[in-house]
């Protein structure tokens, strides 16, 4: 194959992945705008994924058939749901850059989870990447006011939960490779919708989450655009991820950190202190190293869905 032709063949999938990263990287803004109009991010997340699930079933109504004999799909639903609950809620209430960096501890969680769930023993290199990521997180969490580098507040906890759940989601996708792709995507969309709905109802019962209120036309339009953006972003991920090597996909998806950082700093929703710069550089280094160390000839699972 002509090298220039091969390069052109990789350009569109790479741009599709960048689009998906852009959608997730700037999603904090519409979530905050909707919250300003009285719609909690949990209600917004539930609405987005019920919309996405309806679109999937309209396209592939047979998606539910693959659930037969696949009990681990329920665990996939839970993991995907907690990923979205954690990330979407965290970027709404916390410092956006801090949240995204804590979320991208995901490769470190993957190292720990792959051993018991996939039988993949960690190598010396993977343990070193884990150590680099943990040092980065410790630097981010260790504020001058804190005695120990521990999570502070709701946003930190949600970001860490989201990253851990995302790592579990990707590992479960590898275990469920024989399930139809539409079924796996349906499980993830269902998880996003049901987990957010359950969390919203529980929070409302405790007085921590307000009931959804009527939105003005502008906010409804923003919510619809956000739903379409997530749906288009997921479709772009499916297109790009099935046409590029695994490490290329993971590296390109790190551009989400850039999009989130740039937009949130400009909007005043994040603060880039030297401590966050240093810790963030270590976390991103560990994630990039983990991506580059992946087998270069292996394409990632087509059903992956990232924040």
C-alpha atoms as a PDB file:
ATOM      1  CA  UNK A   1       0.000   0.000   0.000  1.00  0.00           C
ATOM      2  CA  UNK A   2       1.178   3.481  -0.813  1.00  0.00           C
ATOM      3  CA  UNK A   3       2.359   5.164   2.433  1.00  0.00           C
ATOM      4  CA  UNK A   4       0.432   8.329   1.598  1.00  0.00           C
ATOM      5  CA  UNK A   5      -2.746   6.298   1.047  1.00  0.00           C
ATOM      6  CA  UNK A   6      -2.277   4.527   4.379  1.00  0.00           C
ATOM      7  CA  UNK A   7      -1.735   7.862   6.101  1.00  0.00           C
ATOM      8  CA  UNK A   8      -4.904   9.257   4.557  1.00  0.00           C
ATOM      9  CA  UNK A   9      -6.748   6.137   5.704  1.00  0.00           C
ATOM     10  CA  UNK A  10      -5.741   6.852   9.299  1.00  0.00           C
ATOM     11  CA  UNK A  11      -6.589  10.550   9.221  1.00  0.00           C
ATOM     12  CA  UNK A  12     -10.381  10.280   9.327  1.00  0.00           C
ATOM     13  CA  UNK A  13     -10.460   7.699  12.160  1.00  0.00           C
ATOM     14  CA  UNK A  14      -8.013   9.843  14.156  1.00  0.00           C
ATOM     15  CA  UNK A  15     -10.178  12.934  13.612  1.00  0.00           C
ATOM     16  CA  UNK A  16     -13.204  10.927  14.749  1.00  0.00           C
ATOM     17  CA  UNK A  17     -11.410  10.074  17.986  1.00  0.00           C
ATOM     18  CA  UNK A  18     -10.431  13.715  18.475  1.00  0.00           C
ATOM     19  CA  UNK A  19     -14.091  14.681  18.045  1.00  0.00           C
ATOM     20  CA  UNK A  20     -15.115  12.182  20.726  1.00  0.00           C
ATOM     21  CA  UNK A  21     -12.430  13.530  23.059  1.00  0.00           C
ATOM     22  CA  UNK A  22     -13.634  17.064  22.346  1.00  0.00           C
ATOM     23  CA  UNK A  23     -17.230  16.168  23.233  1.00  0.00           C
ATOM     24  CA  UNK A  24     -16.194  14.704  26.578  1.00  0.00           C
ATOM     25  CA  UNK A  25     -13.592  17.383  27.228  1.00  0.00           C
ATOM     26  CA  UNK A  26     -16.077  20.269  26.905  1.00  0.00           C
ATOM     27  CA  UNK A  27     -19.135  18.462  28.319  1.00  0.00           C
ATOM     28  CA  UNK A  28     -18.555  20.118  31.694  1.00  0.00           C
ATOM     29  CA  UNK A  29     -19.912  23.410  30.327  1.00  0.00           C
ATOM     30  CA  UNK A  30     -23.407  22.256  29.185  1.00  0.00           C
ATOM     31  CA  UNK A  31     -23.751  20.188  32.363  1.00  0.00           C
ATOM     32  CA  UNK A  32     -23.054  23.309  34.434  1.00  0.00           C
ATOM     33  CA  UNK A  33     -25.403  25.403  32.321  1.00  0.00           C
ATOM     34  CA  UNK A  34     -28.189  22.876  32.796  1.00  0.00           C
ATOM     35  CA  UNK A  35     -27.514  22.780  36.524  1.00  0.00           C
ATOM     36  CA  UNK A  36     -27.755  26.579  36.602  1.00  0.00           C
ATOM     37  CA  UNK A  37     -31.278  26.156  35.191  1.00  0.00           C
ATOM     38  CA  UNK A  38     -32.179  23.680  37.933  1.00  0.00           C
ATOM     39  CA  UNK A  39     -31.342  20.361  36.262  1.00  0.00           C
ATOM     40  CA  UNK A  40     -28.909  18.316  38.349  1.00  0.00           C
ATOM     41  CA  UNK A  41     -26.206  16.493  36.323  1.00  0.00           C
ATOM     42  CA  UNK A  42     -27.637  13.157  37.437  1.00  0.00           C
ATOM     43  CA  UNK A  43     -30.988  13.956  35.828  1.00  0.00           C
ATOM     44  CA  UNK A  44     -29.182  15.270  32.748  1.00  0.00           C
ATOM     45  CA  UNK A  45     -27.097  12.090  32.503  1.00  0.00           C
ATOM     46  CA  UNK A  46     -30.181   9.898  32.830  1.00  0.00           C
ATOM     47  CA  UNK A  47     -31.905  11.853  30.068  1.00  0.00           C
ATOM     48  CA  UNK A  48     -28.884  11.669  27.759  1.00  0.00           C
ATOM     49  CA  UNK A  49     -28.571   7.901  28.072  1.00  0.00           C
ATOM     50  CA  UNK A  50     -32.278   7.145  27.816  1.00  0.00           C
ATOM     51  CA  UNK A  51     -32.181   9.176  24.599  1.00  0.00           C
ATOM     52  CA  UNK A  52     -29.106   7.263  23.389  1.00  0.00           C
ATOM     53  CA  UNK A  53     -30.676   3.916  24.306  1.00  0.00           C
ATOM     54  CA  UNK A  54     -33.853   4.781  22.401  1.00  0.00           C
ATOM     55  CA  UNK A  55     -31.769   5.722  19.352  1.00  0.00           C
ATOM     56  CA  UNK A  56     -29.822   2.443  19.578  1.00  0.00           C
ATOM     57  CA  UNK A  57     -32.981   0.328  19.847  1.00  0.00           C
ATOM     58  CA  UNK A  58     -34.542   2.176  16.917  1.00  0.00           C
ATOM     59  CA  UNK A  59     -31.447   1.267  14.887  1.00  0.00           C
ATOM     60  CA  UNK A  60     -30.853  -2.244  16.290  1.00  0.00           C
ATOM     61  CA  UNK A  61     -34.048  -3.463  18.006  1.00  0.00           C
ATOM     62  CA  UNK A  62     -32.517  -6.923  18.392  1.00  0.00           C
ATOM     63  CA  UNK A  63     -29.791  -5.602  20.720  1.00  0.00           C
ATOM     64  CA  UNK A  64     -31.519  -7.051  23.794  1.00  0.00           C
ATOM     65  CA  UNK A  65     -31.325 -10.609  22.486  1.00  0.00           C
ATOM     66  CA  UNK A  66     -27.625 -10.838  23.311  1.00  0.00           C
ATOM     67  CA  UNK A  67     -28.340 -10.583  27.048  1.00  0.00           C
ATOM     68  CA  UNK A  68     -29.357 -14.236  27.173  1.00  0.00           C
ATOM     69  CA  UNK A  69     -26.626 -16.292  28.812  1.00  0.00           C
ATOM     70  CA  UNK A  70     -24.403 -13.271  29.490  1.00  0.00           C
ATOM     71  CA  UNK A  71     -24.859 -12.412  33.203  1.00  0.00           C
ATOM     72  CA  UNK A  72     -21.676 -10.329  33.174  1.00  0.00           C
ATOM     73  CA  UNK A  73     -23.513  -7.773  31.041  1.00  0.00           C
ATOM     74  CA  UNK A  74     -25.273  -6.692  34.245  1.00  0.00           C
ATOM     75  CA  UNK A  75     -21.903  -5.945  35.797  1.00  0.00           C
ATOM     76  CA  UNK A  76     -20.966  -4.048  32.626  1.00  0.00           C
ATOM     77  CA  UNK A  77     -24.138  -1.987  33.024  1.00  0.00           C
ATOM     78  CA  UNK A  78     -23.175  -1.128  36.602  1.00  0.00           C
ATOM     79  CA  UNK A  79     -19.570  -0.249  35.739  1.00  0.00           C
ATOM     80  CA  UNK A  80     -20.548   1.920  32.760  1.00  0.00           C
ATOM     81  CA  UNK A  81     -23.265   3.592  34.804  1.00  0.00           C
ATOM     82  CA  UNK A  82     -20.925   4.473  37.658  1.00  0.00           C
ATOM     83  CA  UNK A  83     -18.382   5.796  35.139  1.00  0.00           C
ATOM     84  CA  UNK A  84     -20.867   8.325  33.807  1.00  0.00           C
ATOM     85  CA  UNK A  85     -22.345   9.197  37.182  1.00  0.00           C
ATOM     86  CA  UNK A  86     -18.880   9.821  38.591  1.00  0.00           C
ATOM     87  CA  UNK A  87     -17.451  11.815  35.694  1.00  0.00           C
ATOM     88  CA  UNK A  88     -20.490  13.903  34.747  1.00  0.00           C
ATOM     89  CA  UNK A  89     -21.301  14.839  38.323  1.00  0.00           C
ATOM     90  CA  UNK A  90     -17.673  15.558  39.212  1.00  0.00           C
ATOM     91  CA  UNK A  91     -16.992  17.961  36.323  1.00  0.00           C
ATOM     92  CA  UNK A  92     -20.129  19.861  37.277  1.00  0.00           C
ATOM     93  CA  UNK A  93     -19.235  20.475  40.927  1.00  0.00           C
ATOM     94  CA  UNK A  94     -15.414  20.382  40.997  1.00  0.00           C
ATOM     95  CA  UNK A  95     -12.324  21.928  39.461  1.00  0.00           C
ATOM     96  CA  UNK A  96     -12.519  20.554  35.911  1.00  0.00           C
ATOM     97  CA  UNK A  97      -8.791  19.975  35.352  1.00  0.00           C
ATOM     98  CA  UNK A  98      -8.358  18.298  38.732  1.00  0.00           C
ATOM     99  CA  UNK A  99     -11.347  16.045  38.032  1.00  0.00           C
ATOM    100  CA  UNK A 100     -10.139  15.023  34.569  1.00  0.00           C
ATOM    101  CA  UNK A 101      -6.639  14.270  35.820  1.00  0.00           C
ATOM    102  CA  UNK A 102      -7.944  12.143  38.699  1.00  0.00           C
ATOM    103  CA  UNK A 103     -10.228  10.347  36.252  1.00  0.00           C
ATOM    104  CA  UNK A 104      -7.240   9.527  34.041  1.00  0.00           C
ATOM    105  CA  UNK A 105      -5.780   7.424  36.807  1.00  0.00           C
ATOM    106  CA  UNK A 106      -7.776   4.793  34.896  1.00  0.00           C
ATOM    107  CA  UNK A 107      -4.698   2.987  33.426  1.00  0.00           C
ATOM    108  CA  UNK A 108      -3.411   2.466  36.960  1.00  0.00           C
ATOM    109  CA  UNK A 109      -6.692   0.876  38.016  1.00  0.00           C
ATOM    110  CA  UNK A 110      -6.524  -1.308  34.898  1.00  0.00           C
ATOM    111  CA  UNK A 111      -3.167  -2.677  36.034  1.00  0.00           C
ATOM    112  CA  UNK A 112      -4.658  -3.686  39.382  1.00  0.00           C
ATOM    113  CA  UNK A 113      -7.908  -5.109  37.980  1.00  0.00           C
ATOM    114  CA  UNK A 114      -6.445  -7.047  35.050  1.00  0.00           C
ATOM    115  CA  UNK A 115      -4.725  -9.535  37.365  1.00  0.00           C
ATOM    116  CA  UNK A 116      -7.788 -10.894  39.246  1.00  0.00           C
ATOM    117  CA  UNK A 117     -10.243 -10.466  36.354  1.00  0.00           C
ATOM    118  CA  UNK A 118      -8.158 -11.368  33.297  1.00  0.00           C
ATOM    119  CA  UNK A 119      -5.291 -13.321  34.818  1.00  0.00           C
ATOM    120  CA  UNK A 120      -2.756 -10.795  33.497  1.00  0.00           C
ATOM    121  CA  UNK A 121       0.065 -10.495  35.990  1.00  0.00           C
ATOM    122  CA  UNK A 122       1.505  -6.978  36.213  1.00  0.00           C
ATOM    123  CA  UNK A 123       4.952  -6.608  34.693  1.00  0.00           C
ATOM    124  CA  UNK A 124       7.758  -4.540  36.150  1.00  0.00           C
ATOM    125  CA  UNK A 125       7.003  -1.824  33.604  1.00  0.00           C
ATOM    126  CA  UNK A 126       3.287  -1.757  34.441  1.00  0.00           C
ATOM    127  CA  UNK A 127       4.073  -1.499  38.157  1.00  0.00           C
ATOM    128  CA  UNK A 128       6.434   1.373  37.427  1.00  0.00           C
ATOM    129  CA  UNK A 129       3.686   3.126  35.443  1.00  0.00           C
ATOM    130  CA  UNK A 130       1.352   2.535  38.367  1.00  0.00           C
ATOM    131  CA  UNK A 131       3.885   4.120  40.728  1.00  0.00           C
ATOM    132  CA  UNK A 132       4.313   7.158  38.444  1.00  0.00           C
ATOM    133  CA  UNK A 133       0.538   7.648  38.263  1.00  0.00           C
ATOM    134  CA  UNK A 134       0.140   7.316  42.034  1.00  0.00           C
ATOM    135  CA  UNK A 135       2.883   9.854  42.664  1.00  0.00           C
ATOM    136  CA  UNK A 136       1.125  12.224  40.277  1.00  0.00           C
ATOM    137  CA  UNK A 137      -2.177  11.797  42.092  1.00  0.00           C
ATOM    138  CA  UNK A 138      -0.487  12.330  45.449  1.00  0.00           C
ATOM    139  CA  UNK A 139       1.012  15.595  44.171  1.00  0.00           C
ATOM    140  CA  UNK A 140      -2.410  16.752  42.945  1.00  0.00           C
ATOM    141  CA  UNK A 141      -4.191  15.842  46.175  1.00  0.00           C
ATOM    142  CA  UNK A 142      -1.574  17.167  48.596  1.00  0.00           C
ATOM    143  CA  UNK A 143      -2.676  20.754  49.069  1.00  0.00           C
ATOM    144  CA  UNK A 144      -0.811  23.047  51.502  1.00  0.00           C
ATOM    145  CA  UNK A 145      -3.795  22.827  53.837  1.00  0.00           C
ATOM    146  CA  UNK A 146      -3.885  19.006  53.871  1.00  0.00           C
ATOM    147  CA  UNK A 147      -1.656  16.824  56.032  1.00  0.00           C
ATOM    148  CA  UNK A 148      -2.024  13.845  53.696  1.00  0.00           C
ATOM    149  CA  UNK A 149      -2.725  13.491  49.958  1.00  0.00           C
ATOM    150  CA  UNK A 150      -6.323  12.368  50.400  1.00  0.00           C
ATOM    151  CA  UNK A 151      -9.399  13.156  48.279  1.00  0.00           C
ATOM    152  CA  UNK A 152     -11.079  16.380  49.324  1.00  0.00           C
ATOM    153  CA  UNK A 153     -14.783  16.768  48.844  1.00  0.00           C
ATOM    154  CA  UNK A 154     -17.353  15.190  46.600  1.00  0.00           C
ATOM    155  CA  UNK A 155     -15.695  15.972  43.255  1.00  0.00           C
ATOM    156  CA  UNK A 156     -12.439  14.146  44.071  1.00  0.00           C
ATOM    157  CA  UNK A 157     -14.296  11.044  45.213  1.00  0.00           C
ATOM    158  CA  UNK A 158     -16.541  11.030  42.161  1.00  0.00           C
ATOM    159  CA  UNK A 159     -13.586  11.468  39.788  1.00  0.00           C
ATOM    160  CA  UNK A 160     -11.723   8.544  41.341  1.00  0.00           C
ATOM    161  CA  UNK A 161     -14.884   6.415  41.279  1.00  0.00           C
ATOM    162  CA  UNK A 162     -15.420   7.296  37.616  1.00  0.00           C
ATOM    163  CA  UNK A 163     -11.865   6.386  36.630  1.00  0.00           C
ATOM    164  CA  UNK A 164     -11.985   3.096  38.540  1.00  0.00           C
ATOM    165  CA  UNK A 165     -15.352   2.219  36.975  1.00  0.00           C
ATOM    166  CA  UNK A 166     -14.088   3.104  33.510  1.00  0.00           C
ATOM    167  CA  UNK A 167     -11.129   0.758  33.947  1.00  0.00           C
ATOM    168  CA  UNK A 168     -13.530  -1.980  35.058  1.00  0.00           C
ATOM    169  CA  UNK A 169     -15.758  -1.227  32.062  1.00  0.00           C
ATOM    170  CA  UNK A 170     -12.915  -1.732  29.599  1.00  0.00           C
ATOM    171  CA  UNK A 171     -11.820  -4.966  31.252  1.00  0.00           C
ATOM    172  CA  UNK A 172     -15.375  -6.319  31.182  1.00  0.00           C
ATOM    173  CA  UNK A 173     -15.594  -5.441  27.484  1.00  0.00           C
ATOM    174  CA  UNK A 174     -12.577  -7.654  26.903  1.00  0.00           C
ATOM    175  CA  UNK A 175     -14.251 -10.495  28.810  1.00  0.00           C
ATOM    176  CA  UNK A 176     -17.443 -10.034  26.787  1.00  0.00           C
ATOM    177  CA  UNK A 177     -15.903  -9.993  23.321  1.00  0.00           C
ATOM    178  CA  UNK A 178     -18.232 -12.787  22.147  1.00  0.00           C
ATOM    179  CA  UNK A 179     -21.344 -10.779  22.945  1.00  0.00           C
ATOM    180  CA  UNK A 180     -22.784  -8.802  19.999  1.00  0.00           C
ATOM    181  CA  UNK A 181     -21.440  -5.255  19.797  1.00  0.00           C
ATOM    182  CA  UNK A 182     -24.951  -3.750  19.831  1.00  0.00           C
ATOM    183  CA  UNK A 183     -25.722  -5.687  22.994  1.00  0.00           C
ATOM    184  CA  UNK A 184     -22.619  -4.401  24.762  1.00  0.00           C
ATOM    185  CA  UNK A 185     -23.353  -0.829  23.716  1.00  0.00           C
ATOM    186  CA  UNK A 186     -26.961  -1.286  24.840  1.00  0.00           C
ATOM    187  CA  UNK A 187     -25.771  -2.536  28.222  1.00  0.00           C
ATOM    188  CA  UNK A 188     -23.545   0.528  28.612  1.00  0.00           C
ATOM    189  CA  UNK A 189     -26.284   2.970  27.577  1.00  0.00           C
ATOM    190  CA  UNK A 190     -28.728   1.208  29.920  1.00  0.00           C
ATOM    191  CA  UNK A 191     -26.220   1.410  32.742  1.00  0.00           C
ATOM    192  CA  UNK A 192     -25.661   5.115  32.167  1.00  0.00           C
ATOM    193  CA  UNK A 193     -29.407   5.781  32.231  1.00  0.00           C
ATOM    194  CA  UNK A 194     -30.378   3.528  35.144  1.00  0.00           C
ATOM    195  CA  UNK A 195     -27.430   4.330  37.411  1.00  0.00           C
ATOM    196  CA  UNK A 196     -27.959   8.073  36.994  1.00  0.00           C
ATOM    197  CA  UNK A 197     -31.696   7.694  37.570  1.00  0.00           C
ATOM    198  CA  UNK A 198     -31.173   5.571  40.683  1.00  0.00           C
ATOM    199  CA  UNK A 199     -28.574   7.984  42.071  1.00  0.00           C
ATOM    200  CA  UNK A 200     -30.835  10.967  41.355  1.00  0.00           C
ATOM    201  CA  UNK A 201     -33.817   9.353  43.084  1.00  0.00           C
ATOM    202  CA  UNK A 202     -31.683   8.356  46.078  1.00  0.00           C
ATOM    203  CA  UNK A 203     -30.230  11.847  46.285  1.00  0.00           C
ATOM    204  CA  UNK A 204     -33.677  13.394  46.052  1.00  0.00           C
ATOM    205  CA  UNK A 205     -34.910  11.166  48.888  1.00  0.00           C
ATOM    206  CA  UNK A 206     -31.991  12.419  51.017  1.00  0.00           C
ATOM    207  CA  UNK A 207     -32.591  16.039  50.049  1.00  0.00           C
ATOM    208  CA  UNK A 208     -29.227  16.240  48.257  1.00  0.00           C
ATOM    209  CA  UNK A 209     -30.591  16.356  44.704  1.00  0.00           C
ATOM    210  CA  UNK A 210     -33.404  18.648  43.629  1.00  0.00           C
ATOM    211  CA  UNK A 211     -36.281  17.280  41.609  1.00  0.00           C
ATOM    212  CA  UNK A 212     -36.061  18.151  37.913  1.00  0.00           C
ATOM    213  CA  UNK A 213     -37.840  21.375  37.091  1.00  0.00           C
ATOM    214  CA  UNK A 214     -39.297  22.723  33.871  1.00  0.00           C
ATOM    215  CA  UNK A 215     -36.530  24.084  31.663  1.00  0.00           C
ATOM    216  CA  UNK A 216     -36.711  27.137  29.408  1.00  0.00           C
ATOM    217  CA  UNK A 217     -36.556  26.561  25.664  1.00  0.00           C
ATOM    218  CA  UNK A 218     -32.872  27.499  25.497  1.00  0.00           C
ATOM    219  CA  UNK A 219     -31.929  24.953  28.174  1.00  0.00           C
ATOM    220  CA  UNK A 220     -34.028  22.254  26.490  1.00  0.00           C
ATOM    221  CA  UNK A 221     -32.211  22.935  23.241  1.00  0.00           C
ATOM    222  CA  UNK A 222     -28.866  22.744  25.040  1.00  0.00           C
ATOM    223  CA  UNK A 223     -29.861  19.419  26.591  1.00  0.00           C
ATOM    224  CA  UNK A 224     -30.843  18.055  23.183  1.00  0.00           C
ATOM    225  CA  UNK A 225     -27.564  19.216  21.649  1.00  0.00           C
ATOM    226  CA  UNK A 226     -25.647  17.605  24.524  1.00  0.00           C
ATOM    227  CA  UNK A 227     -27.502  14.321  23.957  1.00  0.00           C
ATOM    228  CA  UNK A 228     -26.793  14.437  20.233  1.00  0.00           C
ATOM    229  CA  UNK A 229     -23.169  15.308  20.966  1.00  0.00           C
ATOM    230  CA  UNK A 230     -22.707  12.259  23.188  1.00  0.00           C
ATOM    231  CA  UNK A 231     -24.431  10.028  20.657  1.00  0.00           C
ATOM    232  CA  UNK A 232     -22.297  11.383  17.800  1.00  0.00           C
ATOM    233  CA  UNK A 233     -19.176  11.133  19.965  1.00  0.00           C
ATOM    234  CA  UNK A 234     -19.854   7.478  20.704  1.00  0.00           C
ATOM    235  CA  UNK A 235     -20.442   6.767  17.018  1.00  0.00           C
ATOM    236  CA  UNK A 236     -17.162   8.543  16.215  1.00  0.00           C
ATOM    237  CA  UNK A 237     -15.394   6.403  18.812  1.00  0.00           C
ATOM    238  CA  UNK A 238     -16.768   3.210  17.284  1.00  0.00           C
ATOM    239  CA  UNK A 239     -15.597   4.359  13.835  1.00  0.00           C
ATOM    240  CA  UNK A 240     -12.118   5.424  14.919  1.00  0.00           C
ATOM    241  CA  UNK A 241     -11.391   2.697  17.447  1.00  0.00           C
ATOM    242  CA  UNK A 242     -12.036  -0.143  15.007  1.00  0.00           C
ATOM    243  CA  UNK A 243      -9.649   1.300  12.407  1.00  0.00           C
ATOM    244  CA  UNK A 244      -6.626   2.263  14.492  1.00  0.00           C
ATOM    245  CA  UNK A 245      -4.240   0.335  16.753  1.00  0.00           C
ATOM    246  CA  UNK A 246      -5.103   0.254  20.443  1.00  0.00           C
ATOM    247  CA  UNK A 247      -2.245   2.451  21.598  1.00  0.00           C
ATOM    248  CA  UNK A 248      -3.041   5.060  18.945  1.00  0.00           C
ATOM    249  CA  UNK A 249      -6.645   5.265  20.146  1.00  0.00           C
ATOM    250  CA  UNK A 250      -5.609   5.626  23.776  1.00  0.00           C
ATOM    251  CA  UNK A 251      -3.033   8.300  22.985  1.00  0.00           C
ATOM    252  CA  UNK A 252      -5.445  10.330  20.859  1.00  0.00           C
ATOM    253  CA  UNK A 253      -8.092  10.124  23.581  1.00  0.00           C
ATOM    254  CA  UNK A 254      -5.697  11.861  25.967  1.00  0.00           C
ATOM    255  CA  UNK A 255      -6.504  15.018  24.008  1.00  0.00           C
ATOM    256  CA  UNK A 256      -9.593  15.147  26.239  1.00  0.00           C
ATOM    257  CA  UNK A 257      -7.300  16.464  28.981  1.00  0.00           C
ATOM    258  CA  UNK A 258      -6.195  19.280  26.661  1.00  0.00           C
ATOM    259  CA  UNK A 259      -9.761  20.229  25.670  1.00  0.00           C
ATOM    260  CA  UNK A 260     -10.992  20.151  29.263  1.00  0.00           C
ATOM    261  CA  UNK A 261      -8.013  22.107  30.569  1.00  0.00           C
ATOM    262  CA  UNK A 262      -8.082  24.816  27.915  1.00  0.00           C
ATOM    263  CA  UNK A 263     -11.823  25.478  28.033  1.00  0.00           C
ATOM    264  CA  UNK A 264     -12.162  25.312  31.811  1.00  0.00           C
ATOM    265  CA  UNK A 265      -9.199  27.596  32.489  1.00  0.00           C
ATOM    266  CA  UNK A 266     -10.477  30.173  29.989  1.00  0.00           C
ATOM    267  CA  UNK A 267     -13.932  30.009  31.573  1.00  0.00           C
ATOM    268  CA  UNK A 268     -12.554  30.226  35.104  1.00  0.00           C
ATOM    269  CA  UNK A 269     -13.773  26.733  36.049  1.00  0.00           C
ATOM    270  CA  UNK A 270     -10.290  25.430  36.884  1.00  0.00           C
ATOM    271  CA  UNK A 271      -7.009  26.606  38.336  1.00  0.00           C
ATOM    272  CA  UNK A 272      -3.670  25.393  36.993  1.00  0.00           C
ATOM    273  CA  UNK A 273      -1.245  25.747  39.882  1.00  0.00           C
ATOM    274  CA  UNK A 274       2.350  24.457  39.645  1.00  0.00           C
ATOM    275  CA  UNK A 275       1.316  21.545  41.873  1.00  0.00           C
ATOM    276  CA  UNK A 276      -1.502  20.546  39.499  1.00  0.00           C
ATOM    277  CA  UNK A 277       0.801  20.989  36.490  1.00  0.00           C
ATOM    278  CA  UNK A 278       3.407  18.694  38.055  1.00  0.00           C
ATOM    279  CA  UNK A 279       1.005  16.011  39.251  1.00  0.00           C
ATOM    280  CA  UNK A 280      -0.988  16.186  36.033  1.00  0.00           C
ATOM    281  CA  UNK A 281       2.134  15.729  33.938  1.00  0.00           C
ATOM    282  CA  UNK A 282       2.932  12.522  35.848  1.00  0.00           C
ATOM    283  CA  UNK A 283      -0.619  11.167  35.462  1.00  0.00           C
ATOM    284  CA  UNK A 284      -0.680  11.916  31.725  1.00  0.00           C
ATOM    285  CA  UNK A 285       2.815  10.459  31.330  1.00  0.00           C
ATOM    286  CA  UNK A 286       1.701   7.219  32.977  1.00  0.00           C
ATOM    287  CA  UNK A 287      -1.442   7.074  30.804  1.00  0.00           C
ATOM    288  CA  UNK A 288       0.503   7.776  27.600  1.00  0.00           C
ATOM    289  CA  UNK A 289       3.161   5.239  28.543  1.00  0.00           C
ATOM    290  CA  UNK A 290       0.460   2.653  29.252  1.00  0.00           C
ATOM    291  CA  UNK A 291      -1.157   3.346  25.871  1.00  0.00           C
ATOM    292  CA  UNK A 292       2.142   3.138  24.004  1.00  0.00           C
ATOM    293  CA  UNK A 293       2.992  -0.144  25.702  1.00  0.00           C
ATOM    294  CA  UNK A 294      -0.196  -1.774  24.375  1.00  0.00           C
ATOM    295  CA  UNK A 295       0.182  -4.269  21.509  1.00  0.00           C
ATOM    296  CA  UNK A 296       0.446  -2.121  18.404  1.00  0.00           C
ATOM    297  CA  UNK A 297      -1.391  -4.494  16.159  1.00  0.00           C
ATOM    298  CA  UNK A 298      -4.433  -4.917  18.389  1.00  0.00           C
ATOM    299  CA  UNK A 299      -7.506  -2.851  17.680  1.00  0.00           C
ATOM    300  CA  UNK A 300      -9.550  -1.895  20.734  1.00  0.00           C
ATOM    301  CA  UNK A 301     -12.990  -3.219  21.335  1.00  0.00           C
ATOM    302  CA  UNK A 302     -15.572  -1.524  19.176  1.00  0.00           C
ATOM    303  CA  UNK A 303     -17.939  -1.059  22.096  1.00  0.00           C
ATOM    304  CA  UNK A 304     -15.639   1.062  24.224  1.00  0.00           C
ATOM    305  CA  UNK A 305     -17.229   4.310  25.324  1.00  0.00           C
ATOM    306  CA  UNK A 306     -15.099   6.874  27.061  1.00  0.00           C
ATOM    307  CA  UNK A 307     -15.446   9.895  28.904  1.00  0.00           C
END
